């Protein structure tokens, strides 16, 4: 099948197909698949990042995916090419593949927003209009250069989720607003990337 996403790094070219749940490591000289990472298997699910289920997760995302769901939206590779971070579907969270072993280490849903936080306030707005341009909340993920942070889009609430992936499981850090008025439909918020120094997220 044709690739859904491709990312070129120093060691490998990484590619994914749309619904098989694998990320493929390709030799850049021979253009041959060296190994495949995964598959994503959300049926094995891990605990949320803060070990508690979120209100939003309970309301909207807690439906257990059917057995055998092995699909990823997009992925990002850390600069050392040790891990490939993926957005499992339909869960909103962070999945991790180990490049050397090829193993899928698990996926961790987003934590419960703290009372009074930006995300909690946005979730309380009944008139909130999520983007969902691609019919998925999560449609963008990037590894911040010179950092252990992973940033992921959340189209429903107009934020970027930030996780520190220095450890497994990763730790949730914060969320960053992408636009101010959650009541307005935003059509162009589906990807995230960084400048080469990791100072700005686009």
Protein backbone atom coordinates (compact mmCIF):
# COMPACT_ATOMS: atom_id res chain seq x y z
CA UNK A 1 0.00 0.00 0.00
CA UNK A 2 0.96 3.64 -0.30
CA UNK A 3 2.52 5.43 2.70
CA UNK A 4 0.31 7.52 4.94
CA UNK A 5 3.27 9.41 6.44
CA UNK A 6 7.02 9.45 5.80
CA UNK A 7 9.76 10.94 7.99
CA UNK A 8 13.42 10.98 6.98
CA UNK A 9 16.03 10.73 9.75
CA UNK A 10 19.77 10.00 9.80
CA UNK A 11 19.51 6.27 10.36
CA UNK A 12 16.25 5.26 8.72
CA UNK A 13 13.40 6.50 6.62
CA UNK A 14 10.23 5.91 8.65
CA UNK A 15 6.89 5.25 6.98
CA UNK A 16 3.41 4.18 8.01
CA UNK A 17 0.41 2.88 6.13
CA UNK A 18 -3.09 3.94 6.91
CA UNK A 19 -4.62 1.15 8.97
CA UNK A 20 -2.15 -1.65 9.63
CA UNK A 21 -0.79 -0.20 12.90
CA UNK A 22 2.91 -0.49 11.96
CA UNK A 23 5.71 2.00 11.41
CA UNK A 24 8.33 0.73 8.95
CA UNK A 25 12.09 1.40 9.21
CA UNK A 26 13.55 1.67 5.70
CA UNK A 27 17.23 1.61 4.76
CA UNK A 28 17.91 4.90 2.90
CA UNK A 29 20.62 3.34 0.72
CA UNK A 30 18.79 0.20 -0.42
CA UNK A 31 15.22 1.45 0.09
CA UNK A 32 14.39 -1.84 1.79
CA UNK A 33 12.35 -2.37 4.95
CA UNK A 34 14.78 -3.25 7.76
CA UNK A 35 12.17 -3.81 10.45
CA UNK A 36 8.64 -2.86 11.36
CA UNK A 37 7.58 -1.37 14.67
CA UNK A 38 4.40 -2.48 16.38
CA UNK A 39 1.65 -3.16 15.80
CA UNK A 40 -0.33 -0.70 17.88
CA UNK A 41 -2.70 -2.77 19.99
CA UNK A 42 -5.00 -0.61 22.05
CA UNK A 43 -6.75 -3.66 23.43
CA UNK A 44 -3.73 -3.95 25.73
CA UNK A 45 -4.36 -0.32 26.89
CA UNK A 46 -2.25 1.35 29.58
CA UNK A 47 -3.28 3.61 32.44
CA UNK A 48 -3.76 7.33 31.73
CA UNK A 49 -0.70 9.51 32.19
CA UNK A 50 -1.85 10.58 35.65
CA UNK A 51 -3.33 7.14 36.42
CA UNK A 52 -6.90 8.50 36.53
CA UNK A 53 -9.56 8.55 33.85
CA UNK A 54 -10.51 12.02 32.62
CA UNK A 55 -13.99 13.45 32.52
CA UNK A 56 -13.55 14.17 28.82
CA UNK A 57 -12.12 10.71 28.24
CA UNK A 58 -15.07 9.19 30.09
CA UNK A 59 -17.65 11.25 28.20
CA UNK A 60 -16.24 10.99 24.71
CA UNK A 61 -13.37 8.57 24.33
CA UNK A 62 -13.85 5.82 26.89
CA UNK A 63 -15.57 3.47 24.50
CA UNK A 64 -13.30 0.45 24.42
CA UNK A 65 -12.02 -0.03 20.89
CA UNK A 66 -12.90 -3.40 19.38
CA UNK A 67 -10.34 -6.15 19.71
CA UNK A 68 -7.77 -5.96 16.95
CA UNK A 69 -7.98 -2.17 16.41
CA UNK A 70 -4.46 -1.38 15.26
CA UNK A 71 -4.42 1.98 13.59
CA UNK A 72 -2.33 5.10 14.05
CA UNK A 73 -2.99 8.63 12.90
CA UNK A 74 0.54 10.03 12.63
CA UNK A 75 3.94 9.54 14.23
CA UNK A 76 7.08 11.41 15.30
CA UNK A 77 10.64 10.15 15.78
CA UNK A 78 12.95 11.41 18.53
CA UNK A 79 16.30 12.83 17.43
CA UNK A 80 18.24 9.83 18.78
CA UNK A 81 15.94 7.47 16.83
CA UNK A 82 15.30 5.46 19.96
CA UNK A 83 11.52 5.78 20.00
CA UNK A 84 8.73 6.42 17.52
CA UNK A 85 5.75 8.18 19.10
CA UNK A 86 2.34 7.51 17.60
CA UNK A 87 -1.23 8.77 17.90
CA UNK A 88 -3.42 5.67 18.35
CA UNK A 89 -6.94 5.75 16.92
CA UNK A 90 -9.55 6.28 18.30
CA UNK A 91 -7.89 6.98 21.67
CA UNK A 92 -6.51 10.43 22.48
CA UNK A 93 -3.11 9.71 23.88
CA UNK A 94 0.51 8.90 23.23
CA UNK A 95 1.75 5.52 22.01
CA UNK A 96 5.41 4.52 22.00
CA UNK A 97 7.32 2.11 19.76
CA UNK A 98 10.88 0.99 20.56
CA UNK A 99 13.04 1.23 17.42
CA UNK A 100 15.63 -1.41 18.38
CA UNK A 101 13.26 -4.14 19.52
CA UNK A 102 10.36 -3.17 17.26
CA UNK A 103 8.00 -3.55 20.23
CA UNK A 104 4.94 -1.41 20.87
CA UNK A 105 5.45 -0.37 24.49
CA UNK A 106 1.89 0.85 25.07
CA UNK A 107 -0.36 3.89 24.84
CA UNK A 108 -1.26 6.35 27.54
CA UNK A 109 -4.44 8.48 27.37
CA UNK A 110 -4.47 12.16 28.29
CA UNK A 111 -4.90 12.93 32.02
CA UNK A 112 -7.79 14.64 33.73
CA UNK A 113 -7.55 18.42 33.33
CA UNK A 114 -6.94 20.22 36.61
CA UNK A 115 -9.88 22.18 37.97
CA UNK A 116 -9.82 25.73 36.62
CA UNK A 117 -7.22 24.92 33.96
CA UNK A 118 -7.53 26.11 30.37
CA UNK A 119 -8.70 22.70 29.17
CA UNK A 120 -11.23 22.32 31.97
CA UNK A 121 -12.66 25.76 31.21
CA UNK A 122 -12.93 24.96 27.50
CA UNK A 123 -14.61 21.63 28.14
CA UNK A 124 -17.25 23.43 30.21
CA UNK A 125 -18.31 25.62 27.26
CA UNK A 126 -21.43 24.11 25.71
CA UNK A 127 -21.05 26.17 22.54
CA UNK A 128 -17.54 24.86 21.90
CA UNK A 129 -16.99 23.94 18.26
CA UNK A 130 -14.25 21.45 17.61
CA UNK A 131 -12.51 21.30 14.27
CA UNK A 132 -12.51 17.57 13.44
CA UNK A 133 -11.58 18.40 9.85
CA UNK A 134 -10.27 14.87 9.42
CA UNK A 135 -13.00 13.36 11.66
CA UNK A 136 -10.36 12.72 14.35
CA UNK A 137 -9.36 14.89 17.31
CA UNK A 138 -5.73 13.93 17.01
CA UNK A 139 -4.19 14.72 13.64
CA UNK A 140 -0.72 16.02 14.40
CA UNK A 141 2.29 15.03 16.50
CA UNK A 142 5.87 16.29 16.66
CA UNK A 143 9.01 15.68 18.73
CA UNK A 144 10.45 18.99 19.89
CA UNK A 145 14.13 19.29 18.84
CA UNK A 146 16.72 19.37 21.66
CA UNK A 147 14.06 18.29 24.11
CA UNK A 148 12.22 15.21 25.36
CA UNK A 149 8.84 16.84 24.75
CA UNK A 150 6.18 15.44 22.40
CA UNK A 151 3.45 17.83 21.22
CA UNK A 152 0.08 16.57 19.93
CA UNK A 153 -2.94 18.32 18.47
CA UNK A 154 -6.40 18.13 20.01
CA UNK A 155 -8.84 19.56 17.48
CA UNK A 156 -11.84 19.30 19.80
CA UNK A 157 -10.54 21.80 22.30
CA UNK A 158 -8.10 23.88 20.22
CA UNK A 159 -4.97 22.94 22.16
CA UNK A 160 -1.65 21.20 21.79
CA UNK A 161 -0.97 18.58 24.48
CA UNK A 162 2.62 18.49 25.72
CA UNK A 163 4.15 15.32 27.19
CA UNK A 164 7.65 14.70 28.54
CA UNK A 165 8.79 11.40 27.08
CA UNK A 166 12.10 11.21 28.94
CA UNK A 167 10.67 8.16 30.72
CA UNK A 168 8.26 5.35 29.89
CA UNK A 169 5.49 5.88 30.75
CA UNK A 170 5.69 9.53 29.64
CA UNK A 171 4.55 12.41 31.86
CA UNK A 172 1.90 14.92 30.92
CA UNK A 173 3.23 18.50 31.13
CA UNK A 174 0.55 20.95 29.98
CA UNK A 175 -1.63 22.05 27.09
CA UNK A 176 -1.04 25.10 24.91
CA UNK A 177 -3.91 27.01 23.27
CA UNK A 178 -3.81 27.37 19.49
CA UNK A 179 -6.66 29.88 19.22
CA UNK A 180 -8.65 31.94 21.68
CA UNK A 181 -12.35 31.57 20.92
CA UNK A 182 -13.39 27.91 21.25
CA UNK A 183 -16.92 28.87 20.12
CA UNK A 184 -15.68 29.60 16.58
CA UNK A 185 -15.13 26.78 14.13
CA UNK A 186 -11.47 26.58 13.11
CA UNK A 187 -10.77 24.72 9.87
CA UNK A 188 -6.99 24.69 9.52
CA UNK A 189 -5.71 23.21 12.77
CA UNK A 190 -4.51 19.68 12.11
CA UNK A 191 -0.70 19.53 12.14
CA UNK A 192 2.22 20.63 14.29
CA UNK A 193 5.92 21.04 13.47
CA UNK A 194 8.90 22.86 14.96
CA UNK A 195 11.70 25.07 13.76
CA UNK A 196 15.13 23.43 13.72
CA UNK A 197 16.05 24.74 17.18
CA UNK A 198 12.76 23.81 18.80
CA UNK A 199 12.01 27.41 19.81
CA UNK A 200 8.75 27.76 17.87
CA UNK A 201 5.87 25.38 17.19
CA UNK A 202 3.92 25.90 13.96
